[in-house]
Protein backbone atom coordinates (compact mmCIF):
# COMPACT_ATOMS: atom_id res chain seq x y z
CA MET A 1 113.28 120.67 64.39
CA ALA A 2 109.77 120.53 65.84
CA LYS A 3 106.90 122.95 65.31
CA VAL A 4 105.96 124.28 68.77
CA LEU A 5 102.89 126.35 69.54
CA VAL A 6 103.29 128.76 72.47
CA VAL A 7 100.07 130.18 73.92
CA GLU A 8 100.81 132.82 76.55
CA ASP A 9 98.85 136.02 77.16
CA ASP A 10 101.73 137.89 78.78
CA PRO A 11 103.83 139.26 75.89
CA ASP A 12 107.09 139.23 77.87
CA ASN A 13 106.63 135.62 78.98
CA ARG A 14 105.63 134.63 75.44
CA ARG A 15 108.75 136.23 73.95
CA LEU A 16 110.95 134.53 76.54
CA LEU A 17 109.42 131.12 75.78
CA GLU A 18 109.73 131.75 72.04
CA PHE A 19 113.38 132.76 72.49
CA ARG A 20 114.19 129.64 74.52
CA LEU A 21 112.41 127.28 72.16
CA THR A 22 113.91 128.89 69.06
CA GLY A 23 117.32 128.57 70.71
CA MET A 24 116.63 124.85 71.04
CA GLY A 25 116.21 124.72 67.26
CA HIS A 26 112.41 124.60 67.08
CA GLN A 27 110.06 126.48 64.80
CA VAL A 28 107.83 128.49 67.13
CA LEU A 29 104.33 129.80 66.55
CA GLY A 30 103.32 132.33 69.21
CA ALA A 31 99.76 133.18 70.23
CA GLY A 32 98.45 135.57 72.86
CA CYS A 33 95.08 133.87 73.33
CA ALA A 34 93.08 130.77 72.49
CA GLY A 35 91.55 132.34 69.39
CA GLU A 36 94.98 133.16 67.96
CA ALA A 37 96.16 129.63 68.77
CA LEU A 38 93.22 128.06 66.93
CA ALA A 39 93.85 130.34 63.94
CA LEU A 40 97.53 129.34 63.85
CA ILE A 41 96.60 125.66 63.95
CA GLY A 42 94.16 126.26 61.11
CA GLN A 43 96.85 128.02 59.09
CA PHE A 44 99.95 125.91 59.87
CA GLY A 45 98.50 122.57 60.99
CA VAL A 46 98.75 120.71 64.27
CA PRO A 47 102.02 121.47 66.06
CA ASP A 48 104.38 118.79 67.31
CA LEU A 49 104.02 120.29 70.80
CA ALA A 50 101.91 122.93 72.52
CA VAL A 51 103.24 124.95 75.46
CA MET A 52 100.34 126.83 77.05
CA ASP A 53 99.70 129.10 79.98
CA ILE A 54 96.79 127.94 82.10
CA VAL A 55 95.59 131.33 83.35
CA MET A 56 94.45 133.50 80.44
CA GLU A 57 91.54 135.86 79.80
CA GLY A 58 88.57 134.27 78.09
CA ILE A 59 89.35 130.67 77.21
CA ASP A 60 92.10 129.50 79.55
CA GLY A 61 94.82 127.03 78.61
CA LEU A 62 93.08 123.99 80.09
CA ASP A 63 89.82 124.82 78.30
CA LEU A 64 91.78 125.31 75.06
CA LEU A 65 93.43 121.92 75.50
CA MET A 66 90.00 120.32 76.15
CA ILE A 67 88.79 121.84 72.87
CA LEU A 68 91.85 120.57 71.02
CA ARG A 69 91.56 117.06 72.49
CA ARG A 70 88.14 116.80 70.77
CA VAL A 71 89.80 117.30 67.36
CA PRO A 72 90.97 113.91 66.05
CA THR A 73 94.29 115.27 64.72
CA CYS A 74 95.08 116.89 68.10
CA VAL A 75 94.24 113.97 70.39
CA GLY A 76 97.86 112.80 70.63
CA MET A 77 99.51 116.22 70.47
CA PRO A 78 101.94 116.58 73.40
CA ALA A 79 101.23 119.54 75.66
CA ILE A 80 102.97 121.31 78.51
CA MET A 81 100.80 123.48 80.74
CA LEU A 82 102.43 126.38 82.58
CA THR A 83 101.02 128.22 85.57
CA ALA A 84 102.02 130.54 88.38
CA ARG A 85 99.17 129.26 90.55
CA GLN A 86 99.41 125.90 92.22
CA LEU A 87 95.98 124.31 92.32
CA ASP A 88 95.42 120.58 92.68
CA GLY A 89 92.43 120.81 90.34
CA ASP A 90 94.56 122.28 87.56
CA GLN A 91 97.20 119.62 88.01
CA ARG A 92 94.62 116.81 87.97
CA LEU A 93 92.90 118.19 84.86
CA ALA A 94 96.24 118.58 83.07
CA ALA A 95 97.02 114.95 83.88
CA ARG A 96 93.59 113.82 82.61
CA LEU A 97 94.28 115.73 79.39
CA ASN A 98 97.63 113.94 79.08
CA ALA A 99 99.62 117.14 79.54
CA GLN A 100 102.66 117.91 81.63
CA TYR A 101 102.16 120.52 84.37
CA MET A 102 104.94 123.00 85.19
CA LEU A 103 105.06 125.89 87.63
CA LYS A 104 106.27 129.36 86.70
CA PRO A 105 108.77 130.81 86.73
CA VAL A 106 110.06 128.13 84.40
CA VAL A 107 113.74 127.28 84.74
CA ALA A 108 115.34 127.05 81.29
CA ALA A 109 116.92 123.65 81.99
CA ASP A 110 113.59 122.25 83.21
CA LEU A 111 111.83 123.56 80.11
CA THR A 112 114.46 121.94 77.89
CA LEU A 113 114.01 118.59 79.63
CA ALA A 114 110.20 118.80 79.48
CA VAL A 115 110.19 119.74 75.79
CA ASP A 116 112.67 117.01 74.87
CA ALA A 117 110.68 114.41 76.84
CA ALA A 118 107.36 115.49 75.32
CA LEU A 119 108.73 115.35 71.79
CA ALA A 120 110.37 111.96 72.39
CA ALA A 121 107.16 110.36 73.68
């Protein structure tokens, strides 16, 4: 069982991701914004995987991942970035940050494959 951090500002999407990941047998920490995510990491330690929405109010998912990549314990943390917008710049930045990029709506089978691959790497 892996510890997975979900950062998603839409409560319905966050609950759905949490439900799917819990159903896969993972311990899930859910956050609605970057500040909550940083607090959870401070409280529970670096997760085995982060699944983050790109488009969020304030600090977006890519900015949050840039912040985390500067923390030595988070440099190698696998990350999956989710977005409903399809921008080449987002995809390139996610790749530079060593994160997988997935479009919403996320198909459950695709999420399962991405999570399993990220945790196996």
